[in-house]
Structure formats: C-alpha cells, structure tokens
N, C-alpha and C. Protein backbone atom coordinates (compact mmCIF):
# COMPACT_ATOMS: atom_id res chain seq x y z
N ARG A 1 97.54 65.27 111.37
CA ARG A 1 98.23 65.65 110.15
C ARG A 1 97.28 65.83 108.98
N ALA A 2 96.24 65.05 108.92
CA ALA A 2 95.31 65.14 107.80
C ALA A 2 93.88 65.07 108.33
N PRO A 3 93.44 66.15 109.00
CA PRO A 3 92.12 66.09 109.65
C PRO A 3 90.96 65.87 108.68
N LYS A 4 91.04 66.40 107.46
CA LYS A 4 89.95 66.19 106.51
C LYS A 4 89.87 64.72 106.08
N THR A 5 91.03 64.12 105.89
CA THR A 5 91.05 62.70 105.52
C THR A 5 90.49 61.85 106.65
N TRP A 6 90.95 62.11 107.87
CA TRP A 6 90.48 61.33 109.02
C TRP A 6 88.98 61.52 109.21
N SER A 7 88.49 62.72 109.03
CA SER A 7 87.06 62.99 109.15
C SER A 7 86.27 62.22 108.08
N TYR A 8 86.77 62.22 106.86
CA TYR A 8 86.13 61.50 105.76
C TYR A 8 86.08 60.00 106.07
N LEU A 9 87.20 59.45 106.49
CA LEU A 9 87.26 58.02 106.79
C LEU A 9 86.29 57.65 107.92
N GLY A 10 86.25 58.48 108.95
CA GLY A 10 85.33 58.23 110.06
C GLY A 10 83.88 58.30 109.61
N LYS A 11 83.56 59.27 108.79
CA LYS A 11 82.19 59.46 108.29
C LYS A 11 81.74 58.26 107.45
N HIS A 12 82.65 57.67 106.70
CA HIS A 12 82.31 56.56 105.80
C HIS A 12 82.83 55.22 106.32
N GLY A 13 83.17 55.16 107.59
CA GLY A 13 83.76 53.97 108.17
C GLY A 13 82.92 52.71 108.03
N GLU A 14 81.60 52.82 108.22
CA GLU A 14 80.75 51.63 108.12
C GLU A 14 80.79 51.04 106.72
N VAL A 15 80.73 51.90 105.73
CA VAL A 15 80.78 51.42 104.34
C VAL A 15 82.13 50.77 104.06
N LEU A 16 83.19 51.41 104.49
CA LEU A 16 84.52 50.85 104.28
C LEU A 16 84.70 49.53 105.02
N ASP A 17 84.15 49.44 106.22
CA ASP A 17 84.26 48.21 107.01
C ASP A 17 83.51 47.04 106.37
N SER A 18 82.52 47.34 105.55
CA SER A 18 81.69 46.28 104.96
C SER A 18 82.29 45.68 103.69
N ARG A 19 83.46 46.15 103.27
CA ARG A 19 84.09 45.58 102.08
C ARG A 19 84.41 44.11 102.32
N LYS A 20 84.13 43.30 101.32
CA LYS A 20 84.25 41.85 101.48
C LYS A 20 85.59 41.28 101.05
N SER A 21 86.39 42.03 100.34
CA SER A 21 87.65 41.51 99.83
C SER A 21 88.56 41.06 100.97
N SER A 22 89.22 39.94 100.77
CA SER A 22 90.12 39.40 101.79
C SER A 22 91.35 40.29 102.00
N ILE A 23 91.64 41.16 101.05
CA ILE A 23 92.81 42.02 101.18
C ILE A 23 92.70 42.94 102.40
N TYR A 24 91.46 43.23 102.83
CA TYR A 24 91.26 44.14 103.96
C TYR A 24 91.24 43.42 105.30
N GLN A 25 91.15 42.10 105.30
CA GLN A 25 91.08 41.35 106.55
C GLN A 25 92.45 41.36 107.25
N LYS A 26 92.40 41.44 108.55
CA LYS A 26 93.61 41.44 109.39
C LYS A 26 94.56 42.58 109.04
N ARG A 27 94.00 43.69 108.63
CA ARG A 27 94.77 44.90 108.31
C ARG A 27 94.24 46.04 109.17
N PRO A 28 95.00 47.11 109.30
CA PRO A 28 94.45 48.28 109.98
C PRO A 28 93.15 48.72 109.31
N ARG A 29 92.28 49.33 110.07
CA ARG A 29 90.94 49.66 109.58
C ARG A 29 90.96 50.44 108.27
N PHE A 30 91.80 51.42 108.15
CA PHE A 30 91.83 52.24 106.94
C PHE A 30 93.17 52.06 106.23
N SER A 31 93.36 50.90 105.62
CA SER A 31 94.61 50.60 104.92
C SER A 31 94.61 51.21 103.52
N VAL A 32 95.79 51.60 103.09
CA VAL A 32 95.99 52.11 101.73
C VAL A 32 97.06 51.24 101.09
N PHE A 33 96.80 50.78 99.86
CA PHE A 33 97.71 49.87 99.17
C PHE A 33 98.28 50.51 97.92
N GLY A 34 99.45 50.07 97.54
CA GLY A 34 100.02 50.48 96.26
C GLY A 34 100.43 51.94 96.19
N VAL A 35 100.92 52.49 97.29
CA VAL A 35 101.37 53.88 97.28
C VAL A 35 102.88 53.90 97.50
N GLY A 36 103.57 54.61 96.64
CA GLY A 36 105.01 54.76 96.74
C GLY A 36 105.42 56.00 95.98
N PRO A 37 106.70 56.22 95.80
CA PRO A 37 107.17 57.41 95.07
C PRO A 37 106.55 57.54 93.68
N TYR A 38 106.32 56.40 93.01
CA TYR A 38 105.71 56.40 91.68
C TYR A 38 104.31 57.01 91.70
N SER A 39 103.62 56.93 92.84
CA SER A 39 102.25 57.45 92.94
C SER A 39 102.20 58.96 92.73
N PHE A 40 103.29 59.63 93.03
CA PHE A 40 103.30 61.09 93.00
C PHE A 40 103.90 61.65 91.71
N ALA A 41 104.15 60.80 90.73
CA ALA A 41 104.62 61.28 89.43
C ALA A 41 103.53 62.17 88.82
N PRO A 42 103.92 63.25 88.18
CA PRO A 42 102.92 64.17 87.65
C PRO A 42 102.05 63.57 86.54
N TRP A 43 102.62 62.72 85.74
CA TRP A 43 101.90 62.08 84.64
C TRP A 43 101.96 60.57 84.83
N LYS A 44 100.95 59.88 84.35
CA LYS A 44 100.93 58.43 84.41
C LYS A 44 100.31 57.88 83.13
N VAL A 45 100.66 56.64 82.81
CA VAL A 45 99.95 55.87 81.80
C VAL A 45 99.34 54.71 82.56
N ALA A 46 98.02 54.56 82.49
CA ALA A 46 97.34 53.59 83.34
C ALA A 46 96.46 52.64 82.54
N ILE A 47 96.23 51.49 83.14
CA ILE A 47 95.29 50.50 82.61
C ILE A 47 94.62 49.81 83.80
N SER A 48 93.35 49.50 83.65
CA SER A 48 92.64 48.76 84.68
C SER A 48 92.98 47.28 84.57
N GLY A 49 93.23 46.66 85.69
CA GLY A 49 93.49 45.23 85.70
C GLY A 49 92.22 44.41 85.52
N LEU A 50 91.07 45.06 85.68
CA LEU A 50 89.80 44.34 85.63
C LEU A 50 89.12 44.37 84.27
N TYR A 51 89.52 45.28 83.40
CA TYR A 51 88.86 45.42 82.11
C TYR A 51 89.23 44.27 81.18
N LYS A 52 88.37 44.04 80.23
CA LYS A 52 88.58 42.98 79.24
C LYS A 52 89.25 43.52 77.98
N SER A 53 89.55 44.80 77.96
CA SER A 53 90.24 45.40 76.81
C SER A 53 91.60 45.91 77.27
N PHE A 54 92.47 46.14 76.32
CA PHE A 54 93.83 46.58 76.63
C PHE A 54 94.00 48.04 76.23
N ARG A 55 93.27 48.92 76.86
CA ARG A 55 93.31 50.34 76.52
C ARG A 55 94.09 51.09 77.60
N PHE A 56 95.24 51.60 77.20
CA PHE A 56 96.08 52.38 78.10
C PHE A 56 95.72 53.85 77.94
N VAL A 57 95.62 54.57 79.04
CA VAL A 57 95.24 55.98 78.99
C VAL A 57 96.29 56.83 79.69
N VAL A 58 96.45 58.05 79.20
CA VAL A 58 97.31 59.03 79.85
C VAL A 58 96.50 59.68 80.97
N VAL A 59 97.08 59.74 82.15
CA VAL A 59 96.45 60.38 83.30
C VAL A 59 97.26 61.63 83.62
N PRO A 60 96.72 62.80 83.24
CA PRO A 60 97.46 64.04 83.49
C PRO A 60 97.23 64.54 84.92
N PRO A 61 98.08 65.46 85.37
CA PRO A 61 97.82 66.07 86.68
C PRO A 61 96.57 66.95 86.59
N ILE A 62 95.93 67.15 87.71
CA ILE A 62 94.79 68.07 87.79
C ILE A 62 95.17 69.16 88.77
N ASP A 63 95.04 70.41 88.33
CA ASP A 63 95.45 71.56 89.15
C ASP A 63 96.88 71.41 89.65
N ASN A 64 97.75 70.95 88.77
CA ASN A 64 99.18 70.74 89.06
C ASN A 64 99.42 69.73 90.18
N ARG A 65 98.46 68.84 90.41
CA ARG A 65 98.62 67.81 91.43
C ARG A 65 98.46 66.44 90.77
N PRO A 66 99.27 65.46 91.19
CA PRO A 66 99.16 64.13 90.57
C PRO A 66 97.83 63.46 90.91
N VAL A 67 97.33 62.70 89.98
CA VAL A 67 96.11 61.93 90.18
C VAL A 67 96.50 60.55 90.69
N MET A 68 95.79 60.07 91.69
CA MET A 68 96.04 58.74 92.23
C MET A 68 95.09 57.75 91.57
N VAL A 69 95.61 56.61 91.16
CA VAL A 69 94.75 55.55 90.64
C VAL A 69 94.54 54.53 91.74
N ASP A 70 93.44 53.79 91.68
CA ASP A 70 93.20 52.83 92.76
C ASP A 70 93.97 51.54 92.52
N ASP A 71 93.86 50.65 93.49
CA ASP A 71 94.70 49.45 93.46
C ASP A 71 94.24 48.39 92.46
N THR A 72 93.20 48.67 91.69
CA THR A 72 92.82 47.75 90.60
C THR A 72 93.45 48.17 89.28
N CYS A 73 94.20 49.26 89.32
CA CYS A 73 94.86 49.77 88.11
C CYS A 73 96.37 49.59 88.22
N TYR A 74 97.01 49.57 87.08
CA TYR A 74 98.47 49.58 87.00
C TYR A 74 98.85 50.89 86.33
N ALA A 75 99.88 51.53 86.84
CA ALA A 75 100.27 52.83 86.30
C ALA A 75 101.78 52.90 86.12
N ILE A 76 102.17 53.53 85.03
CA ILE A 76 103.58 53.80 84.77
C ILE A 76 103.80 55.27 85.07
N PRO A 77 104.68 55.60 86.01
CA PRO A 77 104.93 57.00 86.33
C PRO A 77 105.71 57.68 85.21
N CYS A 78 105.32 58.90 84.89
CA CYS A 78 105.99 59.69 83.85
C CYS A 78 106.21 61.10 84.37
N GLN A 79 107.30 61.71 83.94
CA GLN A 79 107.61 63.06 84.38
C GLN A 79 107.07 64.14 83.45
N THR A 80 106.84 63.78 82.19
CA THR A 80 106.39 64.78 81.22
C THR A 80 105.22 64.23 80.40
N GLN A 81 104.48 65.15 79.82
CA GLN A 81 103.38 64.76 78.93
C GLN A 81 103.93 64.01 77.72
N HIS A 82 105.03 64.49 77.17
CA HIS A 82 105.63 63.84 76.01
C HIS A 82 105.96 62.38 76.31
N GLU A 83 106.56 62.13 77.45
CA GLU A 83 106.89 60.76 77.84
C GLU A 83 105.62 59.91 77.96
N ALA A 84 104.59 60.45 78.62
CA ALA A 84 103.35 59.70 78.81
C ALA A 84 102.68 59.37 77.48
N VAL A 85 102.64 60.34 76.59
CA VAL A 85 102.00 60.12 75.29
C VAL A 85 102.77 59.08 74.48
N LEU A 86 104.10 59.15 74.50
CA LEU A 86 104.90 58.17 73.77
C LEU A 86 104.64 56.76 74.31
N LEU A 87 104.67 56.60 75.62
CA LEU A 87 104.45 55.28 76.20
C LEU A 87 103.03 54.78 75.90
N GLN A 88 102.06 55.68 75.95
CA GLN A 88 100.69 55.29 75.60
C GLN A 88 100.62 54.81 74.16
N GLN A 89 101.28 55.52 73.25
CA GLN A 89 101.29 55.11 71.84
C GLN A 89 101.92 53.72 71.68
N LEU A 90 103.01 53.49 72.37
CA LEU A 90 103.67 52.18 72.29
C LEU A 90 102.77 51.08 72.85
N LEU A 91 102.12 51.36 73.96
CA LEU A 91 101.28 50.35 74.60
C LEU A 91 99.99 50.07 73.85
N ASN A 92 99.44 51.08 73.19
CA ASN A 92 98.21 50.89 72.43
C ASN A 92 98.47 50.47 70.98
N SER A 93 99.73 50.28 70.63
CA SER A 93 100.09 49.92 69.26
C SER A 93 99.68 48.49 68.93
N LYS A 94 99.59 48.21 67.65
CA LYS A 94 99.21 46.87 67.20
C LYS A 94 100.16 45.78 67.72
N PRO A 95 101.50 45.98 67.67
CA PRO A 95 102.38 44.92 68.19
C PRO A 95 102.13 44.61 69.67
N THR A 96 101.94 45.64 70.49
CA THR A 96 101.70 45.41 71.91
C THR A 96 100.34 44.75 72.12
N GLN A 97 99.34 45.23 71.41
CA GLN A 97 98.00 44.66 71.56
C GLN A 97 97.98 43.18 71.18
N GLU A 98 98.64 42.84 70.09
CA GLU A 98 98.70 41.43 69.68
C GLU A 98 99.47 40.59 70.70
N PHE A 99 100.54 41.15 71.22
CA PHE A 99 101.33 40.47 72.25
C PHE A 99 100.47 40.19 73.48
N LEU A 100 99.74 41.20 73.94
CA LEU A 100 98.89 41.03 75.12
C LEU A 100 97.80 39.99 74.88
N LYS A 101 97.18 40.05 73.71
CA LYS A 101 96.13 39.08 73.39
C LYS A 101 96.65 37.65 73.42
N SER A 102 97.92 37.47 73.10
CA SER A 102 98.49 36.12 73.10
C SER A 102 98.77 35.60 74.51
N LEU A 103 98.81 36.49 75.49
CA LEU A 103 99.17 36.09 76.85
C LEU A 103 98.01 36.10 77.84
N VAL A 104 96.98 36.88 77.56
CA VAL A 104 95.94 37.15 78.55
C VAL A 104 94.78 36.16 78.43
N PHE A 105 94.32 35.70 79.57
CA PHE A 105 93.10 34.90 79.64
C PHE A 105 91.96 35.87 79.93
N ILE A 106 91.23 36.25 78.90
CA ILE A 106 90.25 37.33 78.98
C ILE A 106 89.11 37.01 79.95
N ASP A 107 88.85 35.74 80.23
CA ASP A 107 87.78 35.37 81.15
C ASP A 107 88.19 35.41 82.62
N SER A 108 89.44 35.71 82.88
CA SER A 108 89.93 35.79 84.26
C SER A 108 89.26 36.95 84.99
N LYS A 109 89.22 36.86 86.32
CA LYS A 109 88.67 37.95 87.12
C LYS A 109 89.49 39.23 86.90
N ARG A 110 90.80 39.07 86.85
CA ARG A 110 91.70 40.20 86.60
C ARG A 110 92.59 39.81 85.42
N PRO A 111 92.11 40.07 84.19
CA PRO A 111 92.85 39.63 83.00
C PRO A 111 94.24 40.28 82.87
N ILE A 112 94.34 41.54 83.22
CA ILE A 112 95.61 42.26 83.11
C ILE A 112 96.33 42.11 84.45
N THR A 113 97.54 41.58 84.41
CA THR A 113 98.32 41.42 85.64
C THR A 113 99.69 42.06 85.46
N VAL A 114 100.33 42.34 86.56
CA VAL A 114 101.66 42.92 86.50
C VAL A 114 102.64 41.97 85.84
N ASP A 115 102.45 40.68 86.04
CA ASP A 115 103.35 39.70 85.42
C ASP A 115 103.26 39.73 83.90
N VAL A 116 102.05 39.91 83.38
CA VAL A 116 101.88 40.04 81.92
C VAL A 116 102.50 41.34 81.44
N LEU A 117 102.21 42.43 82.14
CA LEU A 117 102.69 43.74 81.70
C LEU A 117 104.21 43.85 81.75
N LYS A 118 104.82 43.17 82.70
CA LYS A 118 106.29 43.20 82.81
C LYS A 118 106.98 42.60 81.59
N ARG A 119 106.26 41.83 80.83
CA ARG A 119 106.86 41.16 79.68
C ARG A 119 106.93 42.07 78.45
N ILE A 120 106.31 43.23 78.52
CA ILE A 120 106.34 44.16 77.39
C ILE A 120 107.72 44.80 77.29
N SER A 121 108.29 44.81 76.13
CA SER A 121 109.58 45.46 75.89
C SER A 121 109.34 46.76 75.12
N PHE A 122 109.48 47.88 75.82
CA PHE A 122 109.30 49.17 75.16
C PHE A 122 110.31 49.34 74.02
N THR A 123 111.52 48.90 74.25
CA THR A 123 112.55 49.06 73.22
C THR A 123 112.17 48.32 71.95
N GLU A 124 111.68 47.10 72.09
CA GLU A 124 111.30 46.31 70.92
C GLU A 124 110.09 46.91 70.21
N VAL A 125 109.09 47.32 70.97
CA VAL A 125 107.91 47.93 70.35
C VAL A 125 108.30 49.23 69.66
N ALA A 126 109.11 50.05 70.32
CA ALA A 126 109.56 51.31 69.72
C ALA A 126 110.35 51.06 68.44
N ARG A 127 111.18 50.04 68.45
CA ARG A 127 111.95 49.70 67.25
C ARG A 127 111.00 49.35 66.10
N ARG A 128 110.00 48.53 66.38
CA ARG A 128 109.05 48.11 65.34
C ARG A 128 108.25 49.28 64.78
N LEU A 129 108.01 50.29 65.61
CA LEU A 129 107.21 51.44 65.19
C LEU A 129 108.05 52.61 64.70
N GLY A 130 109.36 52.43 64.65
CA GLY A 130 110.23 53.51 64.21
C GLY A 130 110.35 54.64 65.22
N LYS A 131 110.17 54.32 66.50
CA LYS A 131 110.22 55.34 67.56
C LYS A 131 111.33 55.07 68.57
N ARG A 132 112.27 54.22 68.20
CA ARG A 132 113.34 53.86 69.14
C ARG A 132 114.17 55.08 69.53
N ALA A 133 114.53 55.91 68.56
CA ALA A 133 115.34 57.10 68.86
C ALA A 133 114.60 58.03 69.83
N GLU A 134 113.31 58.18 69.62
CA GLU A 134 112.51 59.03 70.51
C GLU A 134 112.48 58.45 71.93
N LEU A 135 112.32 57.14 72.04
CA LEU A 135 112.32 56.49 73.34
C LEU A 135 113.68 56.64 74.03
N LEU A 136 114.74 56.44 73.27
CA LEU A 136 116.08 56.56 73.85
C LEU A 136 116.39 57.99 74.28
N ALA A 137 115.88 58.98 73.54
CA ALA A 137 116.09 60.38 73.92
C ALA A 137 115.44 60.66 75.27
N ILE A 138 114.26 60.14 75.48
CA ILE A 138 113.58 60.32 76.78
C ILE A 138 114.34 59.58 77.87
N ALA A 139 114.79 58.37 77.57
CA ALA A 139 115.53 57.58 78.55
C ALA A 139 116.81 58.29 78.98
N LYS A 140 117.48 58.93 78.03
CA LYS A 140 118.72 59.65 78.37
C LYS A 140 118.47 60.83 79.29
N GLN A 141 117.24 61.35 79.28
CA GLN A 141 116.89 62.44 80.19
C GLN A 141 116.65 61.91 81.61
N GLY A 142 116.69 60.58 81.74
CA GLY A 142 116.51 59.98 83.06
C GLY A 142 115.07 59.73 83.44
N HIS A 143 114.15 59.94 82.50
CA HIS A 143 112.74 59.76 82.84
C HIS A 143 112.30 58.31 82.79
N ILE A 144 112.88 57.52 81.92
CA ILE A 144 112.53 56.11 81.84
C ILE A 144 113.72 55.33 82.36
N ARG A 145 113.45 54.46 83.32
CA ARG A 145 114.53 53.67 83.88
C ARG A 145 113.94 52.40 84.49
N THR A 146 114.80 51.47 84.77
CA THR A 146 114.36 50.29 85.49
C THR A 146 114.63 50.54 86.96
N GLY A 147 114.06 49.73 87.80
CA GLY A 147 114.34 49.87 89.22
C GLY A 147 113.15 49.54 90.07
N LYS A 148 113.40 49.39 91.36
CA LYS A 148 112.35 48.97 92.28
C LYS A 148 111.48 50.13 92.74
N ASP A 149 111.78 51.36 92.32
CA ASP A 149 110.97 52.48 92.75
C ASP A 149 109.72 52.63 91.89
N TYR A 150 109.57 51.78 90.89
CA TYR A 150 108.38 51.81 90.05
C TYR A 150 107.41 50.74 90.54
N GLN A 151 106.15 51.07 90.61
CA GLN A 151 105.15 50.06 90.92
C GLN A 151 105.09 49.06 89.79
N LEU A 152 105.20 49.53 88.59
CA LEU A 152 105.07 48.68 87.42
C LEU A 152 106.28 48.88 86.53
N PRO A 153 107.37 48.17 86.76
CA PRO A 153 108.58 48.36 85.97
C PRO A 153 108.45 47.67 84.61
N LEU A 154 107.75 48.31 83.68
CA LEU A 154 107.51 47.70 82.39
C LEU A 154 108.74 47.66 81.52
N VAL A 155 109.68 48.56 81.75
CA VAL A 155 110.88 48.55 80.92
C VAL A 155 111.81 47.48 81.48
N MET A 156 111.91 46.39 80.78
CA MET A 156 112.64 45.24 81.31
C MET A 156 114.06 45.14 80.79
N GLU A 157 114.44 46.01 79.89
CA GLU A 157 115.77 45.95 79.32
C GLU A 157 116.79 46.49 80.31
N SER A 158 118.01 46.10 80.14
CA SER A 158 119.10 46.63 80.94
C SER A 158 119.23 48.12 80.68
N SER A 159 119.52 48.89 81.71
CA SER A 159 119.66 50.33 81.51
C SER A 159 120.82 50.66 80.58
N SER A 160 121.74 49.72 80.37
CA SER A 160 122.86 49.98 79.46
C SER A 160 122.39 50.14 78.02
N LEU A 161 121.19 49.65 77.70
CA LEU A 161 120.66 49.83 76.35
C LEU A 161 120.40 51.30 76.04
N TYR A 162 120.22 52.10 77.09
CA TYR A 162 119.87 53.50 76.90
C TYR A 162 121.07 54.42 76.90
N GLU A 163 122.24 53.88 77.11
CA GLU A 163 123.42 54.74 77.22
C GLU A 163 124.13 54.88 75.89
C-alpha cells in the first residue's frame, strides 16, 4: 500500500531500532503514535511539549496537504486559517501565558502536558480579550467542539455554551 514508506523505513531501520525510549519497547518495529482523524485537519495550532516556553504556532497545510507533527507536540485541529489564527491568539495571550506559568514546572523533562493544556478555557480567555463573539461564531460553524475525536480537547466547556 505504501511502498515508498516501507522502503524508507527499511533503509533507516537500524537507526530507528537504536532509539532508546521505552515507548518503542515491546511494540511493532515501526510503530506510529498519536495519529487519528485530528491528524488530518488542514490547519493546526501546535506547541512542543519539550520546550521551556509557551509559544503556540499555526501550522498551515503545505501543497494543500496537512502537516503532521511528531509525538512530542500537541496540536489542536482546525478547519480554517481564521480558526487557527484565533486560537493561536487566545493561546499566546497574556491571560493564557500567565495561567500556564502558574501551572507548569519549567524544569520538568516535558513541561507542557496534555493535562495542563486541557485546563485552558477558550471561552474565558476569549471573554477577557473581547473575542468571545468571534469564538462563538466559529463554534457555531461546527469547527470548534468537544469530543474524543480530538487528540487535544482544549475546549473544556459544555457544547451548550456555543448554542
């Protein structure tokens, strides 16, 4: 089904086999982690779990194809550029940054975790920044929602808030 991928994996098999992380032990030789429907969203807002700063970036499609982030990153799937830019603005805002600084142990191996990120309330941040109506307009289009189909369900409010 994917001869180029299989050829690449075979060519680099020794390097891949030498990875020391325990996540690869007792797994199939060429395991892929963190892939689901959210991976194929055209736009994403991403952050590295390993960085010591809280800088969220918009990840646009390249050649009309979604970009995949690796398993050390957290990504919010977005359907439009407007949605991605709005979420990036909310996440990089002063209220969110101060909130994250109050929760994160910066000396940790992986300072940014999904548990920390799940505590962010887009609705509250948008309200503080005067962007609640804009957020709700996007939500009504069905682009922002809660649910298990997101790798990183950052919107923790009940979907009834958007109706």
